[in-house]
Amino acid sequence: MRLNIAILLAPVCLLGQNSDANYRALRDGKLAESFTAENIVLQRDAGTVTFKPGEISFLAPVLGRQEVAVFTGQGRFHLKPAVATESARLQFTIGAPEIDEEFDAALLYFTDGTAEEVRGQAKSGLVSAKNEAEFQKFHSQLRARTETPRSFMEYEMFGECIPNLEAEVLGELYNPAHAGSFVALLHAHKHPQMRFLVRPQGAVPSLGPEEVAVVNVDPGEQQDVIWYMSHTVAEIQAHTASSTEERRSIAPEHYQMDVHVGRNDRLAAKATLRFKALRDGDR
């Protein structure tokens, strides 16, 4: 029964999304504005994303805000763990106590002040064919569901419950009380499928309530794991971090399945699920 509930709950937030004009704008929109990057620094919790010489282009605004961008050029991602135990785990996983990766492309999803920060540090320009092509390439990779995942991380990021980043961004736009996320898909030189996630509602909700994570998808390799997962620096410093934080949007209250076996081995089933919202304002 618990398995059936999980299967039913997974698509609940996706019902009707394809008919939502704002969702389609996020899903199918085109790059509309571009900026020349020259040492733009974005500090997000324990991680720092630096855009050196390059170009960063934004998707056309949705609900009056630009929340998706692509970068090409020279970039650097650095993360210094907030706690010693995470440094030790990194040392074991990648052979260093901190993450330091160079990248040449990145796809960003955010509901924080990223667009405003970039505007304040860059000069506007035209969207290049290179950024258009990289944008489409990222989308193709991001939406390619893997039927037979070769590793746990590939299952989490590209399996049957593949994350829908556009739907997650739209959910936060509709409910600003839960906004403030930042997700960077990094095409790093050594690790082309790396993700840096800062989400108030849980970086990887299926694995815990921690808000900050670095994930590397590289099936068959030793570093195909979650490199870093922690609560925010602010929570740790305030001693308020807790592994029991409630991050779910809904909770099941009742589940019932009626199954009827008819003639000629025909099987008919009806499932009824009643759930309650755990957060105000979510759609």
C-alpha atoms as a PDB file:
ATOM      1  CA  MET A   1       0.000   0.000   0.000  1.00  0.00           C
ATOM      2  CA  ARG A   2       2.783   2.435   0.819  1.00  0.00           C
ATOM      3  CA  LEU A   3       4.298   1.886  -2.615  1.00  0.00           C
ATOM      4  CA  ASN A   4       0.986   2.675  -4.314  1.00  0.00           C
ATOM      5  CA  ILE A   5       0.660   5.885  -2.322  1.00  0.00           C
ATOM      6  CA  ALA A   6       4.121   6.977  -3.412  1.00  0.00           C
ATOM      7  CA  ILE A   7       3.285   6.297  -7.049  1.00  0.00           C
ATOM      8  CA  LEU A   8       0.115   8.322  -6.815  1.00  0.00           C
ATOM      9  CA  LEU A   9       1.687  11.201  -4.929  1.00  0.00           C
ATOM     10  CA  ALA A  10       4.557  11.686  -7.358  1.00  0.00           C
ATOM     11  CA  PRO A  11       2.533  13.266 -10.198  1.00  0.00           C
ATOM     12  CA  VAL A  12       0.053  15.204  -8.050  1.00  0.00           C
ATOM     13  CA  CYS A  13       1.893  18.511  -8.464  1.00  0.00           C
ATOM     14  CA  LEU A  14       1.995  18.013 -12.247  1.00  0.00           C
ATOM     15  CA  LEU A  15      -1.739  17.765 -12.889  1.00  0.00           C
ATOM     16  CA  GLY A  16      -2.844  20.302 -15.501  1.00  0.00           C
ATOM     17  CA  GLN A  17       0.563  21.904 -15.814  1.00  0.00           C
ATOM     18  CA  ASN A  18       0.757  21.527 -19.595  1.00  0.00           C
ATOM     19  CA  SER A  19      -2.321  23.750 -19.964  1.00  0.00           C
ATOM     20  CA  ASP A  20      -0.785  26.494 -17.809  1.00  0.00           C
ATOM     21  CA  ALA A  21       0.435  29.318 -20.049  1.00  0.00           C
ATOM     22  CA  ASN A  22       3.137  30.341 -17.577  1.00  0.00           C
ATOM     23  CA  TYR A  23       4.447  26.785 -17.406  1.00  0.00           C
ATOM     24  CA  ARG A  24       4.580  26.576 -21.187  1.00  0.00           C
ATOM     25  CA  ALA A  25       6.435  29.904 -21.264  1.00  0.00           C
ATOM     26  CA  LEU A  26       9.071  28.495 -18.908  1.00  0.00           C
ATOM     27  CA  ARG A  27       9.192  25.188 -20.721  1.00  0.00           C
ATOM     28  CA  ASP A  28       9.243  26.418 -24.314  1.00  0.00           C
ATOM     29  CA  GLY A  29      10.409  30.031 -24.007  1.00  0.00           C
ATOM     30  CA  LYS A  30      13.310  31.568 -25.904  1.00  0.00           C
ATOM     31  CA  LEU A  31      16.335  33.477 -24.703  1.00  0.00           C
ATOM     32  CA  ALA A  32      15.466  37.161 -24.797  1.00  0.00           C
ATOM     33  CA  GLU A  33      18.316  39.137 -23.244  1.00  0.00           C
ATOM     34  CA  SER A  34      22.055  38.659 -22.900  1.00  0.00           C
ATOM     35  CA  PHE A  35      24.904  40.136 -20.862  1.00  0.00           C
ATOM     36  CA  THR A  36      28.670  40.074 -21.135  1.00  0.00           C
ATOM     37  CA  ALA A  37      30.085  38.357 -18.063  1.00  0.00           C
ATOM     38  CA  GLU A  38      33.381  39.501 -16.583  1.00  0.00           C
ATOM     39  CA  ASN A  39      34.085  38.045 -13.168  1.00  0.00           C
ATOM     40  CA  ILE A  40      30.474  37.973 -11.947  1.00  0.00           C
ATOM     41  CA  VAL A  41      30.388  36.341  -8.506  1.00  0.00           C
ATOM     42  CA  LEU A  42      27.266  34.716  -7.051  1.00  0.00           C
ATOM     43  CA  GLN A  43      27.600  33.608  -3.425  1.00  0.00           C
ATOM     44  CA  ARG A  44      24.972  31.023  -2.541  1.00  0.00           C
ATOM     45  CA  ASP A  45      25.278  29.650   0.971  1.00  0.00           C
ATOM     46  CA  ALA A  46      28.551  27.655   1.178  1.00  0.00           C
ATOM     47  CA  GLY A  47      29.047  27.730  -2.596  1.00  0.00           C
ATOM     48  CA  THR A  48      30.421  30.392  -4.909  1.00  0.00           C
ATOM     49  CA  VAL A  49      29.695  30.466  -8.643  1.00  0.00           C
ATOM     50  CA  THR A  50      31.994  32.749 -10.628  1.00  0.00           C
ATOM     51  CA  PHE A  51      31.352  33.668 -14.248  1.00  0.00           C
ATOM     52  CA  LYS A  52      34.635  34.786 -15.777  1.00  0.00           C
ATOM     53  CA  PRO A  53      34.797  36.001 -19.402  1.00  0.00           C
ATOM     54  CA  GLY A  54      31.672  34.767 -21.143  1.00  0.00           C
ATOM     55  CA  GLU A  55      28.028  35.392 -21.937  1.00  0.00           C
ATOM     56  CA  ILE A  56      24.945  34.906 -19.773  1.00  0.00           C
ATOM     57  CA  SER A  57      21.518  34.968 -21.415  1.00  0.00           C
ATOM     58  CA  PHE A  58      18.082  35.104 -19.779  1.00  0.00           C
ATOM     59  CA  LEU A  59      14.796  33.541 -20.758  1.00  0.00           C
ATOM     60  CA  ALA A  60      11.963  35.963 -21.498  1.00  0.00           C
ATOM     61  CA  PRO A  61      10.203  37.082 -18.283  1.00  0.00           C
ATOM     62  CA  VAL A  62       7.419  34.948 -16.810  1.00  0.00           C
ATOM     63  CA  LEU A  63       5.037  36.657 -14.404  1.00  0.00           C
ATOM     64  CA  GLY A  64       7.273  39.701 -14.748  1.00  0.00           C
ATOM     65  CA  ARG A  65      10.443  37.922 -13.630  1.00  0.00           C
ATOM     66  CA  GLN A  66      13.436  36.324 -15.332  1.00  0.00           C
ATOM     67  CA  GLU A  67      14.147  33.026 -13.602  1.00  0.00           C
ATOM     68  CA  VAL A  68      16.095  30.928 -16.150  1.00  0.00           C
ATOM     69  CA  ALA A  69      19.518  31.653 -17.662  1.00  0.00           C
ATOM     70  CA  VAL A  70      22.325  29.970 -19.565  1.00  0.00           C
ATOM     71  CA  PHE A  71      26.041  30.779 -19.437  1.00  0.00           C
ATOM     72  CA  THR A  72      28.908  29.942 -21.769  1.00  0.00           C
ATOM     73  CA  GLY A  73      32.534  30.871 -21.234  1.00  0.00           C
ATOM     74  CA  GLN A  74      34.946  30.307 -18.367  1.00  0.00           C
ATOM     75  CA  GLY A  75      33.472  29.615 -14.943  1.00  0.00           C
ATOM     76  CA  ARG A  76      34.517  28.348 -11.547  1.00  0.00           C
ATOM     77  CA  PHE A  77      32.537  26.695  -8.782  1.00  0.00           C
ATOM     78  CA  HIS A  78      33.927  26.558  -5.267  1.00  0.00           C
ATOM     79  CA  LEU A  79      32.328  25.212  -2.113  1.00  0.00           C
ATOM     80  CA  LYS A  80      33.749  25.191   1.393  1.00  0.00           C
ATOM     81  CA  PRO A  81      31.656  22.916   3.620  1.00  0.00           C
ATOM     82  CA  ALA A  82      29.827  24.483   6.529  1.00  0.00           C
ATOM     83  CA  VAL A  83      30.806  21.687   8.927  1.00  0.00           C
ATOM     84  CA  ALA A  84      33.911  19.562   9.438  1.00  0.00           C
ATOM     85  CA  THR A  85      32.084  16.274   8.891  1.00  0.00           C
ATOM     86  CA  GLU A  86      31.153  17.328   5.355  1.00  0.00           C
ATOM     87  CA  SER A  87      34.776  18.292   4.664  1.00  0.00           C
ATOM     88  CA  ALA A  88      35.827  14.822   5.788  1.00  0.00           C
ATOM     89  CA  ARG A  89      33.229  13.220   3.536  1.00  0.00           C
ATOM     90  CA  LEU A  90      34.443  15.277   0.590  1.00  0.00           C
ATOM     91  CA  GLN A  91      38.013  14.224   1.332  1.00  0.00           C
ATOM     92  CA  PHE A  92      36.904  10.608   1.137  1.00  0.00           C
ATOM     93  CA  THR A  93      34.761  11.130  -1.982  1.00  0.00           C
ATOM     94  CA  ILE A  94      36.876  13.404  -4.196  1.00  0.00           C
ATOM     95  CA  GLY A  95      40.218  13.504  -2.397  1.00  0.00           C
ATOM     96  CA  ALA A  96      39.926  17.140  -1.267  1.00  0.00           C
ATOM     97  CA  PRO A  97      38.167  18.883   1.665  1.00  0.00           C
ATOM     98  CA  GLU A  98      36.614  21.518  -0.630  1.00  0.00           C
ATOM     99  CA  ILE A  99      35.059  21.498  -4.099  1.00  0.00           C
ATOM    100  CA  ASP A 100      36.870  23.471  -6.780  1.00  0.00           C
ATOM    101  CA  GLU A 101      35.683  22.890 -10.352  1.00  0.00           C
ATOM    102  CA  GLU A 102      36.141  24.765 -13.624  1.00  0.00           C
ATOM    103  CA  PHE A 103      33.192  24.757 -16.047  1.00  0.00           C
ATOM    104  CA  ASP A 104      32.468  26.069 -19.545  1.00  0.00           C
ATOM    105  CA  ALA A 105      28.660  26.140 -19.505  1.00  0.00           C
ATOM    106  CA  ALA A 106      25.860  26.352 -16.968  1.00  0.00           C
ATOM    107  CA  LEU A 107      22.058  26.338 -16.917  1.00  0.00           C
ATOM    108  CA  LEU A 108      20.472  28.230 -14.020  1.00  0.00           C
ATOM    109  CA  TYR A 109      17.019  28.091 -12.446  1.00  0.00           C
ATOM    110  CA  PHE A 110      16.340  30.547  -9.635  1.00  0.00           C
ATOM    111  CA  THR A 111      13.722  32.504  -7.717  1.00  0.00           C
ATOM    112  CA  ASP A 112      16.164  34.643  -5.759  1.00  0.00           C
ATOM    113  CA  GLY A 113      17.911  37.849  -6.843  1.00  0.00           C
ATOM    114  CA  THR A 114      20.206  36.304  -9.465  1.00  0.00           C
ATOM    115  CA  ALA A 115      18.894  38.352 -12.400  1.00  0.00           C
ATOM    116  CA  GLU A 116      19.318  41.595 -10.481  1.00  0.00           C
ATOM    117  CA  GLU A 117      22.838  40.659  -9.368  1.00  0.00           C
ATOM    118  CA  VAL A 118      23.914  39.917 -12.934  1.00  0.00           C
ATOM    119  CA  ARG A 119      22.407  43.146 -14.244  1.00  0.00           C
ATOM    120  CA  GLY A 120      24.372  45.058 -11.645  1.00  0.00           C
ATOM    121  CA  GLN A 121      27.685  43.526 -12.715  1.00  0.00           C
ATOM    122  CA  ALA A 122      27.439  43.187 -16.513  1.00  0.00           C
ATOM    123  CA  LYS A 123      26.819  44.988 -19.803  1.00  0.00           C
ATOM    124  CA  SER A 124      23.865  44.036 -21.996  1.00  0.00           C
ATOM    125  CA  GLY A 125      24.299  42.622 -25.486  1.00  0.00           C
ATOM    126  CA  LEU A 126      22.751  40.346 -28.099  1.00  0.00           C
ATOM    127  CA  VAL A 127      21.977  36.674 -27.559  1.00  0.00           C
ATOM    128  CA  SER A 128      24.581  34.640 -29.454  1.00  0.00           C
ATOM    129  CA  ALA A 129      23.966  31.532 -31.521  1.00  0.00           C
ATOM    130  CA  LYS A 130      26.337  29.716 -29.171  1.00  0.00           C
ATOM    131  CA  ASN A 131      24.164  30.404 -26.135  1.00  0.00           C
ATOM    132  CA  GLU A 132      21.025  29.444 -28.048  1.00  0.00           C
ATOM    133  CA  ALA A 133      22.605  26.121 -28.983  1.00  0.00           C
ATOM    134  CA  GLU A 134      23.869  25.464 -25.454  1.00  0.00           C
ATOM    135  CA  PHE A 135      20.433  26.280 -24.043  1.00  0.00           C
ATOM    136  CA  GLN A 136      18.803  23.686 -26.279  1.00  0.00           C
ATOM    137  CA  LYS A 137      21.526  21.157 -25.510  1.00  0.00           C
ATOM    138  CA  PHE A 138      20.959  21.520 -21.776  1.00  0.00           C
ATOM    139  CA  HIS A 139      17.217  21.115 -22.243  1.00  0.00           C
ATOM    140  CA  SER A 140      17.663  17.942 -24.277  1.00  0.00           C
ATOM    141  CA  GLN A 141      19.861  16.420 -21.589  1.00  0.00           C
ATOM    142  CA  LEU A 142      17.671  17.617 -18.735  1.00  0.00           C
ATOM    143  CA  ARG A 143      14.503  16.076 -20.166  1.00  0.00           C
ATOM    144  CA  ALA A 144      15.945  12.756 -21.339  1.00  0.00           C
ATOM    145  CA  ARG A 145      14.419  10.175 -19.014  1.00  0.00           C
ATOM    146  CA  THR A 146      16.515   7.022 -18.592  1.00  0.00           C
ATOM    147  CA  GLU A 147      14.485   3.815 -18.761  1.00  0.00           C
ATOM    148  CA  THR A 148      17.192   1.686 -17.152  1.00  0.00           C
ATOM    149  CA  PRO A 149      19.298   3.855 -14.794  1.00  0.00           C
ATOM    150  CA  ARG A 150      22.844   2.622 -14.311  1.00  0.00           C
ATOM    151  CA  SER A 151      23.275   4.143 -10.857  1.00  0.00           C
ATOM    152  CA  PHE A 152      21.274   5.574  -7.964  1.00  0.00           C
ATOM    153  CA  MET A 153      22.180   9.152  -8.917  1.00  0.00           C
ATOM    154  CA  GLU A 154      21.116   8.598 -12.511  1.00  0.00           C
ATOM    155  CA  TYR A 155      17.822   7.217 -11.185  1.00  0.00           C
ATOM    156  CA  GLU A 156      17.306  10.274  -8.960  1.00  0.00           C
ATOM    157  CA  MET A 157      18.090  12.822 -11.669  1.00  0.00           C
ATOM    158  CA  PHE A 158      16.944  11.039 -14.854  1.00  0.00           C
ATOM    159  CA  GLY A 159      14.721   8.158 -13.718  1.00  0.00           C
ATOM    160  CA  GLU A 160      10.940   7.800 -13.689  1.00  0.00           C
ATOM    161  CA  CYS A 161      10.574  10.720 -11.243  1.00  0.00           C
ATOM    162  CA  ILE A 162      12.918  13.013 -13.185  1.00  0.00           C
ATOM    163  CA  PRO A 163      12.886  16.504 -11.608  1.00  0.00           C
ATOM    164  CA  ASN A 164      10.795  19.087 -13.447  1.00  0.00           C
ATOM    165  CA  LEU A 165      12.720  22.287 -12.756  1.00  0.00           C
ATOM    166  CA  GLU A 166      10.306  24.495 -14.674  1.00  0.00           C
ATOM    167  CA  ALA A 167       7.380  23.260 -12.575  1.00  0.00           C
ATOM    168  CA  GLU A 168       9.375  23.818  -9.384  1.00  0.00           C
ATOM    169  CA  VAL A 169      10.241  27.387 -10.377  1.00  0.00           C
ATOM    170  CA  LEU A 170       6.632  28.111 -11.321  1.00  0.00           C
ATOM    171  CA  GLY A 171       5.431  26.750  -7.983  1.00  0.00           C
ATOM    172  CA  GLU A 172       7.652  29.256  -6.206  1.00  0.00           C
ATOM    173  CA  LEU A 173       6.538  32.091  -8.470  1.00  0.00           C
ATOM    174  CA  TYR A 174       2.930  31.300  -7.609  1.00  0.00           C
ATOM    175  CA  ASN A 175       3.781  31.132  -3.905  1.00  0.00           C
ATOM    176  CA  PRO A 176       6.534  33.720  -3.221  1.00  0.00           C
ATOM    177  CA  ALA A 177       6.512  32.794   0.473  1.00  0.00           C
ATOM    178  CA  HIS A 178       8.552  29.721  -0.478  1.00  0.00           C
ATOM    179  CA  ALA A 179      10.792  31.337  -3.101  1.00  0.00           C
ATOM    180  CA  GLY A 180      14.531  31.884  -2.850  1.00  0.00           C
ATOM    181  CA  SER A 181      15.941  28.824  -4.628  1.00  0.00           C
ATOM    182  CA  PHE A 182      19.027  28.583  -6.849  1.00  0.00           C
ATOM    183  CA  VAL A 183      19.921  25.599  -9.042  1.00  0.00           C
ATOM    184  CA  ALA A 184      22.991  25.469 -11.287  1.00  0.00           C
ATOM    185  CA  LEU A 185      23.561  22.658 -13.761  1.00  0.00           C
ATOM    186  CA  LEU A 186      27.284  22.820 -14.447  1.00  0.00           C
ATOM    187  CA  HIS A 187      29.137  21.389 -17.422  1.00  0.00           C
ATOM    188  CA  ALA A 188      32.387  21.048 -15.494  1.00  0.00           C
ATOM    189  CA  HIS A 189      35.573  20.025 -17.262  1.00  0.00           C
ATOM    190  CA  LYS A 190      35.958  16.824 -15.228  1.00  0.00           C
ATOM    191  CA  HIS A 191      32.314  16.293 -14.322  1.00  0.00           C
ATOM    192  CA  PRO A 192      29.853  17.360 -17.054  1.00  0.00           C
ATOM    193  CA  GLN A 193      26.743  16.356 -15.073  1.00  0.00           C
ATOM    194  CA  MET A 194      27.200  18.317 -11.848  1.00  0.00           C
ATOM    195  CA  ARG A 195      24.429  20.178 -10.011  1.00  0.00           C
ATOM    196  CA  PHE A 196      24.599  22.737  -7.226  1.00  0.00           C
ATOM    197  CA  LEU A 197      21.255  23.158  -5.467  1.00  0.00           C
ATOM    198  CA  VAL A 198      20.109  25.627  -2.821  1.00  0.00           C
ATOM    199  CA  ARG A 199      16.407  25.156  -2.067  1.00  0.00           C
ATOM    200  CA  PRO A 200      14.552  26.286   1.067  1.00  0.00           C
ATOM    201  CA  GLN A 201      12.164  23.347   0.645  1.00  0.00           C
ATOM    202  CA  GLY A 202      14.951  20.765   0.380  1.00  0.00           C
ATOM    203  CA  ALA A 203      17.747  20.414  -2.156  1.00  0.00           C
ATOM    204  CA  VAL A 204      16.848  16.779  -2.946  1.00  0.00           C
ATOM    205  CA  PRO A 205      13.506  16.308  -1.152  1.00  0.00           C
ATOM    206  CA  SER A 206      13.421  12.537  -1.600  1.00  0.00           C
ATOM    207  CA  LEU A 207      16.639  12.187   0.416  1.00  0.00           C
ATOM    208  CA  GLY A 208      16.113  14.596   3.302  1.00  0.00           C
ATOM    209  CA  PRO A 209      15.280  18.133   4.414  1.00  0.00           C
ATOM    210  CA  GLU A 210      18.784  19.578   3.905  1.00  0.00           C
ATOM    211  CA  GLU A 211      18.638  22.722   1.796  1.00  0.00           C
ATOM    212  CA  VAL A 212      22.067  22.683   0.105  1.00  0.00           C
ATOM    213  CA  ALA A 213      23.578  19.938  -2.055  1.00  0.00           C
ATOM    214  CA  VAL A 214      26.120  19.181  -4.758  1.00  0.00           C
ATOM    215  CA  VAL A 215      25.211  16.211  -6.927  1.00  0.00           C
ATOM    216  CA  ASN A 216      27.380  14.509  -9.533  1.00  0.00           C
ATOM    217  CA  VAL A 217      25.905  12.077 -12.065  1.00  0.00           C
ATOM    218  CA  ASP A 218      28.582   9.873 -13.586  1.00  0.00           C
ATOM    219  CA  PRO A 219      27.390   6.232 -13.792  1.00  0.00           C
ATOM    220  CA  GLY A 220      30.098   3.654 -13.324  1.00  0.00           C
ATOM    221  CA  GLU A 221      32.501   6.036 -11.632  1.00  0.00           C
ATOM    222  CA  GLN A 222      33.362   6.295  -7.935  1.00  0.00           C
ATOM    223  CA  GLN A 223      32.344   9.955  -7.747  1.00  0.00           C
ATOM    224  CA  ASP A 224      28.798   9.268  -8.982  1.00  0.00           C
ATOM    225  CA  VAL A 225      27.310  10.287  -5.631  1.00  0.00           C
ATOM    226  CA  ILE A 226      25.988  13.219  -3.653  1.00  0.00           C
ATOM    227  CA  TRP A 227      29.171  15.111  -2.878  1.00  0.00           C
ATOM    228  CA  TYR A 228      27.666  17.492  -0.370  1.00  0.00           C
ATOM    229  CA  MET A 229      24.367  17.735   1.481  1.00  0.00           C
ATOM    230  CA  SER A 230      23.868  20.061   4.407  1.00  0.00           C
ATOM    231  CA  HIS A 231      21.596  22.563   6.046  1.00  0.00           C
ATOM    232  CA  THR A 232      22.262  26.215   5.334  1.00  0.00           C
ATOM    233  CA  VAL A 233      25.190  28.006   6.941  1.00  0.00           C
ATOM    234  CA  ALA A 234      22.701  30.309   8.691  1.00  0.00           C
ATOM    235  CA  GLU A 235      20.858  27.366  10.278  1.00  0.00           C
ATOM    236  CA  ILE A 236      24.088  25.710  11.369  1.00  0.00           C
ATOM    237  CA  GLN A 237      25.431  28.895  12.933  1.00  0.00           C
ATOM    238  CA  ALA A 238      22.116  29.505  14.699  1.00  0.00           C
ATOM    239  CA  HIS A 239      21.968  25.856  15.889  1.00  0.00           C
ATOM    240  CA  THR A 240      18.508  25.437  14.346  1.00  0.00           C
ATOM    241  CA  ALA A 241      19.350  22.765  11.749  1.00  0.00           C
ATOM    242  CA  SER A 242      17.237  19.632  12.158  1.00  0.00           C
ATOM    243  CA  SER A 243      16.873  16.382  10.221  1.00  0.00           C
ATOM    244  CA  THR A 244      13.169  16.255  11.165  1.00  0.00           C
ATOM    245  CA  GLU A 245      12.130  19.429   9.349  1.00  0.00           C
ATOM    246  CA  GLU A 246       8.881  19.008   7.405  1.00  0.00           C
ATOM    247  CA  ARG A 247       9.427  19.717   3.707  1.00  0.00           C
ATOM    248  CA  ARG A 248       6.417  18.016   2.119  1.00  0.00           C
ATOM    249  CA  SER A 249       3.700  19.988   0.360  1.00  0.00           C
ATOM    250  CA  ILE A 250       0.982  17.409   1.032  1.00  0.00           C
ATOM    251  CA  ALA A 251       0.404  14.426   3.325  1.00  0.00           C
ATOM    252  CA  PRO A 252      -1.928  11.445   2.674  1.00  0.00           C
ATOM    253  CA  GLU A 253      -4.849  11.032   5.073  1.00  0.00           C
ATOM    254  CA  HIS A 254      -6.694   8.100   3.531  1.00  0.00           C
ATOM    255  CA  TYR A 255      -6.009   5.579   0.784  1.00  0.00           C
ATOM    256  CA  GLN A 256      -8.345   2.945  -0.598  1.00  0.00           C
ATOM    257  CA  MET A 257      -8.131   0.609  -3.576  1.00  0.00           C
ATOM    258  CA  ASP A 258     -11.073  -1.411  -4.897  1.00  0.00           C
ATOM    259  CA  VAL A 259     -10.125  -4.249  -7.227  1.00  0.00           C
ATOM    260  CA  HIS A 260     -12.541  -6.423  -9.202  1.00  0.00           C
ATOM    261  CA  VAL A 261     -11.548  -9.560 -11.097  1.00  0.00           C
ATOM    262  CA  GLY A 262     -14.068 -10.261 -13.853  1.00  0.00           C
ATOM    263  CA  ARG A 263     -14.522 -12.777 -16.614  1.00  0.00           C
ATOM    264  CA  ASN A 264     -11.764 -13.583 -19.080  1.00  0.00           C
ATOM    265  CA  ASP A 265      -9.159 -12.506 -16.518  1.00  0.00           C
ATOM    266  CA  ARG A 266     -10.230  -8.861 -16.781  1.00  0.00           C
ATOM    267  CA  LEU A 267      -9.037  -6.703 -13.927  1.00  0.00           C
ATOM    268  CA  ALA A 268     -10.621  -3.409 -12.920  1.00  0.00           C
ATOM    269  CA  ALA A 269      -9.279  -1.192 -10.153  1.00  0.00           C
ATOM    270  CA  LYS A 270     -10.219   2.125  -8.594  1.00  0.00           C
ATOM    271  CA  ALA A 271      -7.937   4.020  -6.239  1.00  0.00           C
ATOM    272  CA  THR A 272      -9.064   6.829  -3.970  1.00  0.00           C
ATOM    273  CA  LEU A 273      -6.598   9.088  -2.195  1.00  0.00           C
ATOM    274  CA  ARG A 274      -7.407  11.905   0.204  1.00  0.00           C
ATOM    275  CA  PHE A 275      -4.620  14.239   1.243  1.00  0.00           C
ATOM    276  CA  LYS A 276      -4.164  17.529   3.026  1.00  0.00           C
ATOM    277  CA  ALA A 277      -1.971  20.519   2.266  1.00  0.00           C
ATOM    278  CA  LEU A 278       0.912  21.176   4.651  1.00  0.00           C
ATOM    279  CA  ARG A 279       1.801  24.629   3.311  1.00  0.00           C
ATOM    280  CA  ASP A 280      -0.444  27.570   2.550  1.00  0.00           C
ATOM    281  CA  GLY A 281      -0.580  28.996  -0.950  1.00  0.00           C
ATOM    282  CA  ASP A 282       0.927  26.122  -2.971  1.00  0.00           C
ATOM    283  CA  ARG A 283      -0.564  25.347  -6.389  1.00  0.00           C
END
